[in-house]
Amino acid sequence: MDSLREDMLREGLGCIRARYLSDKVVLLTGEDGVLFKDVFRVNKDALASLFEILRPWNETEPRGIKVVWLRCRGLPLHLWTYDYFQRIACMVEELVEVDKATLEWERLEFARLKVSC
């Protein structure tokens, strides 16, 4: 994202805010009081040089995969198993990784699970 922001500044697009959503997807909006569609109309070529695809926001479009860490507090010790952690993660999407300190029972106030969603 830092590199993208630098490229946008170099192209004179400092009035556009880019926010990471997932994978290779970013949300572009105008900075305070600036309408993105107005900036887009004037800077189509500069934006096209920075992005593979530019399209309006669509709530139904898949947003790609995000990976997040979950902290699970209050789990009884008899549930501190990899199989149970997978069951918890399946409520979100899929278990990617269990924190080493969780697996080794170094910290028992919470379990940390990395999940994709």
PDB file of N, CA and C in Angstrom:
ATOM      1  N   MET A   1       0.826  -1.198   0.000  1.00  0.00           N
ATOM      2  CA  MET A   1       0.000   0.000   0.000  1.00  0.00           C
ATOM      3  C   MET A   1       0.866   1.257   0.000  1.00  0.00           C
ATOM      4  N   ASP A   2       1.989   1.212   0.700  1.00  0.00           N
ATOM      5  CA  ASP A   2       2.852   2.400   0.721  1.00  0.00           C
ATOM      6  C   ASP A   2       3.358   2.722  -0.679  1.00  0.00           C
ATOM      7  N   SER A   3       3.751   1.692  -1.402  1.00  0.00           N
ATOM      8  CA  SER A   3       4.232   1.882  -2.766  1.00  0.00           C
ATOM      9  C   SER A   3       3.128   2.443  -3.662  1.00  0.00           C
ATOM     10  N   LEU A   4       1.914   1.929  -3.494  1.00  0.00           N
ATOM     11  CA  LEU A   4       0.788   2.432  -4.279  1.00  0.00           C
ATOM     12  C   LEU A   4       0.535   3.903  -3.966  1.00  0.00           C
ATOM     13  N   ARG A   5       0.552   4.261  -2.703  1.00  0.00           N
ATOM     14  CA  ARG A   5       0.334   5.664  -2.318  1.00  0.00           C
ATOM     15  C   ARG A   5       1.398   6.578  -2.922  1.00  0.00           C
ATOM     16  N   GLU A   6       2.652   6.108  -2.905  1.00  0.00           N
ATOM     17  CA  GLU A   6       3.731   6.898  -3.503  1.00  0.00           C
ATOM     18  C   GLU A   6       3.503   7.067  -5.004  1.00  0.00           C
ATOM     19  N   ASP A   7       3.119   5.985  -5.682  1.00  0.00           N
ATOM     20  CA  ASP A   7       2.842   6.060  -7.120  1.00  0.00           C
ATOM     21  C   ASP A   7       1.699   7.018  -7.413  1.00  0.00           C
ATOM     22  N   MET A   8       0.680   6.992  -6.565  1.00  0.00           N
ATOM     23  CA  MET A   8      -0.464   7.882  -6.763  1.00  0.00           C
ATOM     24  C   MET A   8      -0.045   9.341  -6.582  1.00  0.00           C
ATOM     25  N   LEU A   9       0.781   9.610  -5.591  1.00  0.00           N
ATOM     26  CA  LEU A   9       1.276  10.980  -5.390  1.00  0.00           C
ATOM     27  C   LEU A   9       2.110  11.439  -6.582  1.00  0.00           C
ATOM     28  N   ARG A  10       2.953  10.535  -7.075  1.00  0.00           N
ATOM     29  CA  ARG A  10       3.795  10.855  -8.229  1.00  0.00           C
ATOM     30  C   ARG A  10       2.954  11.173  -9.474  1.00  0.00           C
ATOM     31  N   GLU A  11       1.792  10.537  -9.579  1.00  0.00           N
ATOM     32  CA  GLU A  11       0.889  10.766 -10.715  1.00  0.00           C
ATOM     33  C   GLU A  11      -0.046  11.957 -10.477  1.00  0.00           C
ATOM     34  N   GLY A  12       0.114  12.632  -9.337  1.00  0.00           N
ATOM     35  CA  GLY A  12      -0.731  13.786  -9.038  1.00  0.00           C
ATOM     36  C   GLY A  12      -2.111  13.409  -8.533  1.00  0.00           C
ATOM     37  N   LEU A  13      -2.204  12.237  -7.904  1.00  0.00           N
ATOM     38  CA  LEU A  13      -3.498  11.738  -7.428  1.00  0.00           C
ATOM     39  C   LEU A  13      -3.580  11.768  -5.900  1.00  0.00           C
ATOM     40  N   GLY A  14      -2.991  12.766  -5.295  1.00  0.00           N
ATOM     41  CA  GLY A  14      -2.999  12.881  -3.844  1.00  0.00           C
ATOM     42  C   GLY A  14      -4.368  13.143  -3.258  1.00  0.00           C
ATOM     43  N   CYS A  15      -5.323  13.515  -4.096  1.00  0.00           N
ATOM     44  CA  CYS A  15      -6.677  13.778  -3.603  1.00  0.00           C
ATOM     45  C   CYS A  15      -7.534  12.512  -3.575  1.00  0.00           C
ATOM     46  N   ILE A  16      -6.912  11.359  -3.882  1.00  0.00           N
ATOM     47  CA  ILE A  16      -7.618  10.081  -3.831  1.00  0.00           C
ATOM     48  C   ILE A  16      -7.074   9.273  -2.666  1.00  0.00           C
ATOM     49  N   ARG A  17      -7.974   8.687  -1.916  1.00  0.00           N
ATOM     50  CA  ARG A  17      -7.587   7.843  -0.787  1.00  0.00           C
ATOM     51  C   ARG A  17      -7.741   6.382  -1.205  1.00  0.00           C
ATOM     52  N   ALA A  18      -6.681   5.583  -1.003  1.00  0.00           N
ATOM     53  CA  ALA A  18      -6.703   4.152  -1.325  1.00  0.00           C
ATOM     54  C   ALA A  18      -6.658   3.375  -0.017  1.00  0.00           C
ATOM     55  N   ARG A  19      -7.612   2.447   0.150  1.00  0.00           N
ATOM     56  CA  ARG A  19      -7.666   1.620   1.360  1.00  0.00           C
ATOM     57  C   ARG A  19      -7.681   0.154   0.968  1.00  0.00           C
ATOM     58  N   TYR A  20      -6.812  -0.622   1.603  1.00  0.00           N
ATOM     59  CA  TYR A  20      -6.706  -2.050   1.344  1.00  0.00           C
ATOM     60  C   TYR A  20      -7.983  -2.759   1.783  1.00  0.00           C
ATOM     61  N   LEU A  21      -8.508  -3.629   0.911  1.00  0.00           N
ATOM     62  CA  LEU A  21      -9.657  -4.461   1.270  1.00  0.00           C
ATOM     63  C   LEU A  21      -9.241  -5.917   1.421  1.00  0.00           C
ATOM     64  N   SER A  22      -8.635  -6.481   0.385  1.00  0.00           N
ATOM     65  CA  SER A  22      -8.170  -7.866   0.437  1.00  0.00           C
ATOM     66  C   SER A  22      -7.426  -8.197  -0.833  1.00  0.00           C
ATOM     67  N   ASP A  23      -6.640  -9.274  -0.771  1.00  0.00           N
ATOM     68  CA  ASP A  23      -5.870  -9.723  -1.931  1.00  0.00           C
ATOM     69  C   ASP A  23      -5.287  -8.521  -2.666  1.00  0.00           C
ATOM     70  N   LYS A  24      -5.699  -8.321  -3.904  1.00  0.00           N
ATOM     71  CA  LYS A  24      -5.220  -7.177  -4.692  1.00  0.00           C
ATOM     72  C   LYS A  24      -6.342  -6.165  -4.893  1.00  0.00           C
ATOM     73  N   VAL A  25      -7.223  -6.039  -3.922  1.00  0.00           N
ATOM     74  CA  VAL A  25      -8.388  -5.161  -4.036  1.00  0.00           C
ATOM     75  C   VAL A  25      -8.221  -3.968  -3.102  1.00  0.00           C
ATOM     76  N   VAL A  26      -8.381  -2.771  -3.650  1.00  0.00           N
ATOM     77  CA  VAL A  26      -8.358  -1.563  -2.844  1.00  0.00           C
ATOM     78  C   VAL A  26      -9.615  -0.750  -3.133  1.00  0.00           C
ATOM     79  N   LEU A  27     -10.037   0.006  -2.158  1.00  0.00           N
ATOM     80  CA  LEU A  27     -11.176   0.906  -2.313  1.00  0.00           C
ATOM     81  C   LEU A  27     -10.617   2.307  -2.523  1.00  0.00           C
ATOM     82  N   LEU A  28     -11.008   2.939  -3.624  1.00  0.00           N
ATOM     83  CA  LEU A  28     -10.571   4.299  -3.922  1.00  0.00           C
ATOM     84  C   LEU A  28     -11.727   5.250  -3.666  1.00  0.00           C
ATOM     85  N   THR A  29     -11.461   6.289  -2.902  1.00  0.00           N
ATOM     86  CA  THR A  29     -12.458   7.323  -2.638  1.00  0.00           C
ATOM     87  C   THR A  29     -11.769   8.674  -2.713  1.00  0.00           C
ATOM     88  N   GLY A  30     -12.548   9.706  -2.877  1.00  0.00           N
ATOM     89  CA  GLY A  30     -11.991  11.044  -2.837  1.00  0.00           C
ATOM     90  C   GLY A  30     -11.693  11.437  -1.404  1.00  0.00           C
ATOM     91  N   GLU A  31     -10.652  12.236  -1.215  1.00  0.00           N
ATOM     92  CA  GLU A  31     -10.375  12.775   0.118  1.00  0.00           C
ATOM     93  C   GLU A  31     -11.505  13.731   0.485  1.00  0.00           C
ATOM     94  N   ASP A  32     -11.466  14.292   1.666  1.00  0.00           N
ATOM     95  CA  ASP A  32     -12.520  15.160   2.178  1.00  0.00           C
ATOM     96  C   ASP A  32     -13.027  16.150   1.130  1.00  0.00           C
ATOM     97  N   GLY A  33     -14.306  16.061   0.821  1.00  0.00           N
ATOM     98  CA  GLY A  33     -14.940  17.005  -0.083  1.00  0.00           C
ATOM     99  C   GLY A  33     -14.655  16.782  -1.561  1.00  0.00           C
ATOM    100  N   VAL A  34     -13.887  15.764  -1.914  1.00  0.00           N
ATOM    101  CA  VAL A  34     -13.544  15.491  -3.312  1.00  0.00           C
ATOM    102  C   VAL A  34     -14.351  14.289  -3.788  1.00  0.00           C
ATOM    103  N   LEU A  35     -15.038  14.439  -4.898  1.00  0.00           N
ATOM    104  CA  LEU A  35     -15.789  13.319  -5.472  1.00  0.00           C
ATOM    105  C   LEU A  35     -14.863  12.501  -6.360  1.00  0.00           C
ATOM    106  N   PHE A  36     -14.787  11.211  -6.095  1.00  0.00           N
ATOM    107  CA  PHE A  36     -13.897  10.350  -6.860  1.00  0.00           C
ATOM    108  C   PHE A  36     -14.239  10.371  -8.347  1.00  0.00           C
ATOM    109  N   LYS A  37     -15.530  10.371  -8.670  1.00  0.00           N
ATOM    110  CA  LYS A  37     -15.907  10.337 -10.090  1.00  0.00           C
ATOM    111  C   LYS A  37     -15.367  11.548 -10.850  1.00  0.00           C
ATOM    112  N   ASP A  38     -15.270  12.694 -10.188  1.00  0.00           N
ATOM    113  CA  ASP A  38     -14.713  13.883 -10.841  1.00  0.00           C
ATOM    114  C   ASP A  38     -13.208  13.713 -11.089  1.00  0.00           C
ATOM    115  N   VAL A  39     -12.500  13.187 -10.093  1.00  0.00           N
ATOM    116  CA  VAL A  39     -11.065  12.957 -10.235  1.00  0.00           C
ATOM    117  C   VAL A  39     -10.821  11.881 -11.294  1.00  0.00           C
ATOM    118  N   PHE A  40     -11.654  10.843 -11.287  1.00  0.00           N
ATOM    119  CA  PHE A  40     -11.510   9.759 -12.257  1.00  0.00           C
ATOM    120  C   PHE A  40     -11.667  10.263 -13.689  1.00  0.00           C
ATOM    121  N   ARG A  41     -12.657  11.084 -13.908  1.00  0.00           N
ATOM    122  CA  ARG A  41     -12.944  11.599 -15.252  1.00  0.00           C
ATOM    123  C   ARG A  41     -11.724  12.331 -15.828  1.00  0.00           C
ATOM    124  N   VAL A  42     -11.034  13.086 -14.993  1.00  0.00           N
ATOM    125  CA  VAL A  42      -9.883  13.876 -15.444  1.00  0.00           C
ATOM    126  C   VAL A  42      -8.593  13.039 -15.500  1.00  0.00           C
ATOM    127  N   ASN A  43      -8.519  11.975 -14.687  1.00  0.00           N
ATOM    128  CA  ASN A  43      -7.259  11.224 -14.538  1.00  0.00           C
ATOM    129  C   ASN A  43      -7.375   9.753 -14.934  1.00  0.00           C
ATOM    130  N   LYS A  44      -8.233   9.422 -15.883  1.00  0.00           N
ATOM    131  CA  LYS A  44      -8.439   8.019 -16.287  1.00  0.00           C
ATOM    132  C   LYS A  44      -7.132   7.335 -16.658  1.00  0.00           C
ATOM    133  N   ASP A  45      -6.321   7.989 -17.471  1.00  0.00           N
ATOM    134  CA  ASP A  45      -5.083   7.366 -17.944  1.00  0.00           C
ATOM    135  C   ASP A  45      -4.106   7.103 -16.800  1.00  0.00           C
ATOM    136  N   ALA A  46      -3.958   8.060 -15.909  1.00  0.00           N
ATOM    137  CA  ALA A  46      -3.042   7.880 -14.776  1.00  0.00           C
ATOM    138  C   ALA A  46      -3.508   6.729 -13.887  1.00  0.00           C
ATOM    139  N   LEU A  47      -4.798   6.654 -13.631  1.00  0.00           N
ATOM    140  CA  LEU A  47      -5.332   5.568 -12.813  1.00  0.00           C
ATOM    141  C   LEU A  47      -5.185   4.228 -13.527  1.00  0.00           C
ATOM    142  N   ALA A  48      -5.437   4.204 -14.830  1.00  0.00           N
ATOM    143  CA  ALA A  48      -5.314   2.964 -15.596  1.00  0.00           C
ATOM    144  C   ALA A  48      -3.878   2.446 -15.591  1.00  0.00           C
ATOM    145  N   SER A  49      -2.907   3.339 -15.473  1.00  0.00           N
ATOM    146  CA  SER A  49      -1.512   2.901 -15.434  1.00  0.00           C
ATOM    147  C   SER A  49      -1.156   2.262 -14.086  1.00  0.00           C
ATOM    148  N   LEU A  50      -1.940   2.542 -13.052  1.00  0.00           N
ATOM    149  CA  LEU A  50      -1.644   2.023 -11.714  1.00  0.00           C
ATOM    150  C   LEU A  50      -2.433   0.762 -11.355  1.00  0.00           C
ATOM    151  N   PHE A  51      -3.580   0.558 -12.009  1.00  0.00           N
ATOM    152  CA  PHE A  51      -4.461  -0.543 -11.634  1.00  0.00           C
ATOM    153  C   PHE A  51      -4.778  -1.426 -12.831  1.00  0.00           C
ATOM    154  N   GLU A  52      -4.876  -2.738 -12.581  1.00  0.00           N
ATOM    155  CA  GLU A  52      -5.254  -3.674 -13.640  1.00  0.00           C
ATOM    156  C   GLU A  52      -6.704  -3.463 -14.055  1.00  0.00           C
ATOM    157  N   ILE A  53      -7.582  -3.295 -13.056  1.00  0.00           N
ATOM    158  CA  ILE A  53      -9.014  -3.152 -13.308  1.00  0.00           C
ATOM    159  C   ILE A  53      -9.539  -2.025 -12.426  1.00  0.00           C
ATOM    160  N   LEU A  54     -10.358  -1.167 -12.991  1.00  0.00           N
ATOM    161  CA  LEU A  54     -11.056  -0.121 -12.238  1.00  0.00           C
ATOM    162  C   LEU A  54     -12.536  -0.295 -12.496  1.00  0.00           C
ATOM    163  N   ARG A  55     -13.298  -0.469 -11.426  1.00  0.00           N
ATOM    164  CA  ARG A  55     -14.750  -0.587 -11.596  1.00  0.00           C
ATOM    165  C   ARG A  55     -15.452  -0.040 -10.359  1.00  0.00           C
ATOM    166  N   PRO A  56     -16.687   0.401 -10.534  1.00  0.00           N
ATOM    167  CA  PRO A  56     -17.442   0.929  -9.389  1.00  0.00           C
ATOM    168  C   PRO A  56     -17.649  -0.146  -8.321  1.00  0.00           C
ATOM    169  N   TRP A  57     -17.758   0.310  -7.086  1.00  0.00           N
ATOM    170  CA  TRP A  57     -18.014  -0.576  -5.953  1.00  0.00           C
ATOM    171  C   TRP A  57     -19.317  -1.322  -6.166  1.00  0.00           C
ATOM    172  N   ASN A  58     -19.296  -2.620  -5.849  1.00  0.00           N
ATOM    173  CA  ASN A  58     -20.476  -3.464  -5.966  1.00  0.00           C
ATOM    174  C   ASN A  58     -20.526  -4.348  -4.724  1.00  0.00           C
ATOM    175  N   GLU A  59     -21.557  -4.200  -3.915  1.00  0.00           N
ATOM    176  CA  GLU A  59     -21.651  -4.945  -2.653  1.00  0.00           C
ATOM    177  C   GLU A  59     -21.707  -6.446  -2.858  1.00  0.00           C
ATOM    178  N   THR A  60     -22.182  -6.921  -3.995  1.00  0.00           N
ATOM    179  CA  THR A  60     -22.344  -8.358  -4.211  1.00  0.00           C
ATOM    180  C   THR A  60     -21.081  -9.018  -4.761  1.00  0.00           C
ATOM    181  N   GLU A  61     -20.107  -8.234  -5.155  1.00  0.00           N
ATOM    182  CA  GLU A  61     -18.879  -8.790  -5.730  1.00  0.00           C
ATOM    183  C   GLU A  61     -18.037  -9.445  -4.643  1.00  0.00           C
ATOM    184  N   PRO A  62     -17.478 -10.619  -4.922  1.00  0.00           N
ATOM    185  CA  PRO A  62     -16.589 -11.236  -3.926  1.00  0.00           C
ATOM    186  C   PRO A  62     -15.419 -10.319  -3.631  1.00  0.00           C
ATOM    187  N   ARG A  63     -15.040 -10.242  -2.380  1.00  0.00           N
ATOM    188  CA  ARG A  63     -13.996  -9.312  -1.968  1.00  0.00           C
ATOM    189  C   ARG A  63     -12.640  -9.989  -1.809  1.00  0.00           C
ATOM    190  N   GLY A  64     -12.534 -11.262  -2.117  1.00  0.00           N
ATOM    191  CA  GLY A  64     -11.262 -11.952  -1.952  1.00  0.00           C
ATOM    192  C   GLY A  64     -11.113 -12.496  -0.542  1.00  0.00           C
ATOM    193  N   ILE A  65      -9.942 -12.912  -0.227  1.00  0.00           N
ATOM    194  CA  ILE A  65      -9.687 -13.570   1.050  1.00  0.00           C
ATOM    195  C   ILE A  65      -8.920 -12.631   1.967  1.00  0.00           C
ATOM    196  N   LYS A  66      -9.380 -12.552   3.201  1.00  0.00           N
ATOM    197  CA  LYS A  66      -8.650 -11.839   4.243  1.00  0.00           C
ATOM    198  C   LYS A  66      -8.216 -12.861   5.277  1.00  0.00           C
ATOM    199  N   VAL A  67      -7.100 -12.594   5.902  1.00  0.00           N
ATOM    200  CA  VAL A  67      -6.621 -13.454   6.977  1.00  0.00           C
ATOM    201  C   VAL A  67      -6.551 -12.598   8.228  1.00  0.00           C
ATOM    202  N   VAL A  68      -7.168 -13.078   9.299  1.00  0.00           N
ATOM    203  CA  VAL A  68      -7.211 -12.333  10.555  1.00  0.00           C
ATOM    204  C   VAL A  68      -6.883 -13.256  11.725  1.00  0.00           C
ATOM    205  N   TRP A  69      -6.413 -12.656  12.805  1.00  0.00           N
ATOM    206  CA  TRP A  69      -6.182 -13.394  14.044  1.00  0.00           C
ATOM    207  C   TRP A  69      -7.397 -13.218  14.945  1.00  0.00           C
ATOM    208  N   LEU A  70      -7.886 -14.308  15.489  1.00  0.00           N
ATOM    209  CA  LEU A  70      -8.975 -14.283  16.467  1.00  0.00           C
ATOM    210  C   LEU A  70      -8.404 -14.590  17.843  1.00  0.00           C
ATOM    211  N   ARG A  71      -8.911 -13.895  18.848  1.00  0.00           N
ATOM    212  CA  ARG A  71      -8.594 -14.232  20.233  1.00  0.00           C
ATOM    213  C   ARG A  71      -9.841 -14.856  20.823  1.00  0.00           C
ATOM    214  N   CYS A  72      -9.711 -16.073  21.294  1.00  0.00           N
ATOM    215  CA  CYS A  72     -10.841 -16.798  21.889  1.00  0.00           C
ATOM    216  C   CYS A  72     -10.619 -16.863  23.394  1.00  0.00           C
ATOM    217  N   ARG A  73     -11.406 -16.084  24.133  1.00  0.00           N
ATOM    218  CA  ARG A  73     -11.271 -16.029  25.592  1.00  0.00           C
ATOM    219  C   ARG A  73     -12.271 -16.984  26.252  1.00  0.00           C
ATOM    220  N   GLY A  74     -11.873 -17.506  27.385  1.00  0.00           N
ATOM    221  CA  GLY A  74     -12.783 -18.299  28.204  1.00  0.00           C
ATOM    222  C   GLY A  74     -12.957 -19.748  27.778  1.00  0.00           C
ATOM    223  N   LEU A  75     -12.093 -20.252  26.920  1.00  0.00           N
ATOM    224  CA  LEU A  75     -12.214 -21.652  26.510  1.00  0.00           C
ATOM    225  C   LEU A  75     -11.729 -22.563  27.639  1.00  0.00           C
ATOM    226  N   PRO A  76     -12.535 -23.537  28.023  1.00  0.00           N
ATOM    227  CA  PRO A  76     -12.065 -24.505  29.020  1.00  0.00           C
ATOM    228  C   PRO A  76     -10.876 -25.294  28.464  1.00  0.00           C
ATOM    229  N   LEU A  77      -9.965 -25.695  29.315  1.00  0.00           N
ATOM    230  CA  LEU A  77      -8.746 -26.371  28.860  1.00  0.00           C
ATOM    231  C   LEU A  77      -9.022 -27.662  28.106  1.00  0.00           C
ATOM    232  N   HIS A  78     -10.106 -28.344  28.425  1.00  0.00           N
ATOM    233  CA  HIS A  78     -10.368 -29.604  27.706  1.00  0.00           C
ATOM    234  C   HIS A  78     -10.730 -29.356  26.237  1.00  0.00           C
ATOM    235  N   LEU A  79     -10.978 -28.090  25.871  1.00  0.00           N
ATOM    236  CA  LEU A  79     -11.266 -27.747  24.474  1.00  0.00           C
ATOM    237  C   LEU A  79     -10.034 -27.191  23.747  1.00  0.00           C
ATOM    238  N   TRP A  80      -8.895 -27.118  24.419  1.00  0.00           N
ATOM    239  CA  TRP A  80      -7.675 -26.589  23.799  1.00  0.00           C
ATOM    240  C   TRP A  80      -7.001 -27.678  22.975  1.00  0.00           C
ATOM    241  N   THR A  81      -7.661 -28.065  21.893  1.00  0.00           N
ATOM    242  CA  THR A  81      -7.110 -29.056  20.974  1.00  0.00           C
ATOM    243  C   THR A  81      -7.163 -28.494  19.564  1.00  0.00           C
ATOM    244  N   TYR A  82      -6.288 -28.975  18.717  1.00  0.00           N
ATOM    245  CA  TYR A  82      -6.263 -28.501  17.335  1.00  0.00           C
ATOM    246  C   TYR A  82      -7.605 -28.768  16.656  1.00  0.00           C
ATOM    247  N   ASP A  83      -8.196 -29.923  16.918  1.00  0.00           N
ATOM    248  CA  ASP A  83      -9.497 -30.253  16.314  1.00  0.00           C
ATOM    249  C   ASP A  83     -10.577 -29.259  16.730  1.00  0.00           C
ATOM    250  N   TYR A  84     -10.583 -28.884  17.990  1.00  0.00           N
ATOM    251  CA  TYR A  84     -11.596 -27.922  18.438  1.00  0.00           C
ATOM    252  C   TYR A  84     -11.325 -26.531  17.861  1.00  0.00           C
ATOM    253  N   PHE A  85     -10.048 -26.164  17.745  1.00  0.00           N
ATOM    254  CA  PHE A  85      -9.716 -24.883  17.124  1.00  0.00           C
ATOM    255  C   PHE A  85     -10.209 -24.849  15.673  1.00  0.00           C
ATOM    256  N   GLN A  86     -10.104 -25.976  14.975  1.00  0.00           N
ATOM    257  CA  GLN A  86     -10.635 -26.048  13.609  1.00  0.00           C
ATOM    258  C   GLN A  86     -12.144 -25.853  13.600  1.00  0.00           C
ATOM    259  N   ARG A  87     -12.833 -26.421  14.574  1.00  0.00           N
ATOM    260  CA  ARG A  87     -14.296 -26.255  14.656  1.00  0.00           C
ATOM    261  C   ARG A  87     -14.670 -24.791  14.881  1.00  0.00           C
ATOM    262  N   ILE A  88     -13.908 -24.108  15.727  1.00  0.00           N
ATOM    263  CA  ILE A  88     -14.158 -22.681  15.970  1.00  0.00           C
ATOM    264  C   ILE A  88     -13.935 -21.894  14.680  1.00  0.00           C
ATOM    265  N   ALA A  89     -12.805 -22.149  14.027  1.00  0.00           N
ATOM    266  CA  ALA A  89     -12.461 -21.420  12.803  1.00  0.00           C
ATOM    267  C   ALA A  89     -13.486 -21.642  11.699  1.00  0.00           C
ATOM    268  N   CYS A  90     -14.078 -22.818  11.633  1.00  0.00           N
ATOM    269  CA  CYS A  90     -15.071 -23.112  10.590  1.00  0.00           C
ATOM    270  C   CYS A  90     -16.303 -22.219  10.711  1.00  0.00           C
ATOM    271  N   MET A  91     -16.520 -21.633  11.878  1.00  0.00           N
ATOM    272  CA  MET A  91     -17.641 -20.698  12.035  1.00  0.00           C
ATOM    273  C   MET A  91     -17.394 -19.429  11.228  1.00  0.00           C
ATOM    274  N   VAL A  92     -16.119 -19.098  11.008  1.00  0.00           N
ATOM    275  CA  VAL A  92     -15.749 -17.926  10.219  1.00  0.00           C
ATOM    276  C   VAL A  92     -15.503 -18.364   8.781  1.00  0.00           C
ATOM    277  N   GLU A  93     -14.568 -19.243   8.576  1.00  0.00           N
ATOM    278  CA  GLU A  93     -14.264 -19.786   7.253  1.00  0.00           C
ATOM    279  C   GLU A  93     -13.355 -20.987   7.418  1.00  0.00           C
ATOM    280  N   GLU A  94     -12.044 -20.731   7.540  1.00  0.00           N
ATOM    281  CA  GLU A  94     -11.097 -21.846   7.574  1.00  0.00           C
ATOM    282  C   GLU A  94      -9.915 -21.505   8.471  1.00  0.00           C
ATOM    283  N   LEU A  95      -9.453 -22.494   9.223  1.00  0.00           N
ATOM    284  CA  LEU A  95      -8.284 -22.318  10.079  1.00  0.00           C
ATOM    285  C   LEU A  95      -7.029 -22.303   9.223  1.00  0.00           C
ATOM    286  N   VAL A  96      -6.189 -21.289   9.416  1.00  0.00           N
ATOM    287  CA  VAL A  96      -4.923 -21.177   8.700  1.00  0.00           C
ATOM    288  C   VAL A  96      -3.786 -21.633   9.607  1.00  0.00           C
ATOM    289  N   GLU A  97      -3.832 -21.189  10.864  1.00  0.00           N
ATOM    290  CA  GLU A  97      -2.727 -21.454  11.781  1.00  0.00           C
ATOM    291  C   GLU A  97      -3.197 -21.249  13.214  1.00  0.00           C
ATOM    292  N   VAL A  98      -2.600 -21.996  14.130  1.00  0.00           N
ATOM    293  CA  VAL A  98      -2.818 -21.783  15.559  1.00  0.00           C
ATOM    294  C   VAL A  98      -1.516 -21.214  16.110  1.00  0.00           C
ATOM    295  N   ASP A  99      -1.620 -20.154  16.887  1.00  0.00           N
ATOM    296  CA  ASP A  99      -0.465 -19.503  17.488  1.00  0.00           C
ATOM    297  C   ASP A  99       0.354 -20.512  18.298  1.00  0.00           C
ATOM    298  N   LYS A 100       1.675 -20.431  18.182  1.00  0.00           N
ATOM    299  CA  LYS A 100       2.576 -21.363  18.872  1.00  0.00           C
ATOM    300  C   LYS A 100       2.353 -21.338  20.390  1.00  0.00           C
ATOM    301  N   ALA A 101       2.194 -20.144  20.951  1.00  0.00           N
ATOM    302  CA  ALA A 101       1.972 -20.031  22.401  1.00  0.00           C
ATOM    303  C   ALA A 101       0.665 -20.705  22.814  1.00  0.00           C
ATOM    304  N   THR A 102      -0.318 -20.705  21.916  1.00  0.00           N
ATOM    305  CA  THR A 102      -1.591 -21.376  22.197  1.00  0.00           C
ATOM    306  C   THR A 102      -1.388 -22.884  22.189  1.00  0.00           C
ATOM    307  N   LEU A 103      -0.718 -23.390  21.167  1.00  0.00           N
ATOM    308  CA  LEU A 103      -0.489 -24.836  21.065  1.00  0.00           C
ATOM    309  C   LEU A 103       0.341 -25.371  22.227  1.00  0.00           C
ATOM    310  N   GLU A 104       1.276 -24.552  22.697  1.00  0.00           N
ATOM    311  CA  GLU A 104       2.163 -24.996  23.772  1.00  0.00           C
ATOM    312  C   GLU A 104       1.667 -24.604  25.164  1.00  0.00           C
ATOM    313  N   TRP A 105       0.456 -24.074  25.246  1.00  0.00           N
ATOM    314  CA  TRP A 105      -0.185 -23.685  26.503  1.00  0.00           C
ATOM    315  C   TRP A 105       0.670 -22.701  27.300  1.00  0.00           C
ATOM    316  N   GLU A 106       1.358 -21.804  26.606  1.00  0.00           N
ATOM    317  CA  GLU A 106       2.176 -20.802  27.291  1.00  0.00           C
ATOM    318  C   GLU A 106       1.325 -19.700  27.896  1.00  0.00           C
ATOM    319  N   ARG A 107       0.208 -19.408  27.240  1.00  0.00           N
ATOM    320  CA  ARG A 107      -0.674 -18.325  27.674  1.00  0.00           C
ATOM    321  C   ARG A 107      -2.092 -18.908  27.648  1.00  0.00           C
ATOM    322  N   LEU A 108      -2.733 -18.959  28.796  1.00  0.00           N
ATOM    323  CA  LEU A 108      -4.036 -19.634  28.879  1.00  0.00           C
ATOM    324  C   LEU A 108      -5.215 -18.681  29.016  1.00  0.00           C
ATOM    325  N   GLU A 109      -4.969 -17.366  29.011  1.00  0.00           N
ATOM    326  CA  GLU A 109      -6.098 -16.437  29.122  1.00  0.00           C
ATOM    327  C   GLU A 109      -6.884 -16.338  27.809  1.00  0.00           C
ATOM    328  N   PHE A 110      -6.258 -16.665  26.684  1.00  0.00           N
ATOM    329  CA  PHE A 110      -6.953 -16.718  25.401  1.00  0.00           C
ATOM    330  C   PHE A 110      -6.175 -17.590  24.424  1.00  0.00           C
ATOM    331  N   ALA A 111      -6.883 -18.112  23.439  1.00  0.00           N
ATOM    332  CA  ALA A 111      -6.269 -18.852  22.343  1.00  0.00           C
ATOM    333  C   ALA A 111      -6.247 -17.929  21.128  1.00  0.00           C
ATOM    334  N   ARG A 112      -5.162 -17.976  20.344  1.00  0.00           N
ATOM    335  CA  ARG A 112      -5.063 -17.166  19.121  1.00  0.00           C
ATOM    336  C   ARG A 112      -5.114 -18.080  17.917  1.00  0.00           C
ATOM    337  N   LEU A 113      -6.081 -17.779  17.025  1.00  0.00           N
ATOM    338  CA  LEU A 113      -6.264 -18.573  15.817  1.00  0.00           C
ATOM    339  C   LEU A 113      -6.207 -17.661  14.607  1.00  0.00           C
ATOM    340  N   LYS A 114      -5.427 -18.026  13.600  1.00  0.00           N
ATOM    341  CA  LYS A 114      -5.404 -17.276  12.341  1.00  0.00           C
ATOM    342  C   LYS A 114      -6.406 -17.961  11.415  1.00  0.00           C
ATOM    343  N   VAL A 115      -7.371 -17.187  10.925  1.00  0.00           N
ATOM    344  CA  VAL A 115      -8.415 -17.748  10.068  1.00  0.00           C
ATOM    345  C   VAL A 115      -8.543 -16.933   8.788  1.00  0.00           C
ATOM    346  N   SER A 116      -8.988 -17.593   7.741  1.00  0.00           N
ATOM    347  CA  SER A 116      -9.291 -16.884   6.507  1.00  0.00           C
ATOM    348  C   SER A 116     -10.791 -16.605   6.496  1.00  0.00           C
ATOM    349  N   CYS A 117     -11.159 -15.495   5.898  1.00  0.00           N
ATOM    350  CA  CYS A 117     -12.584 -15.149   5.828  1.00  0.00           C
ATOM    351  C   CYS A 117     -12.873 -14.382   4.556  1.00  0.00           C
TER     352      CYS A 117
END
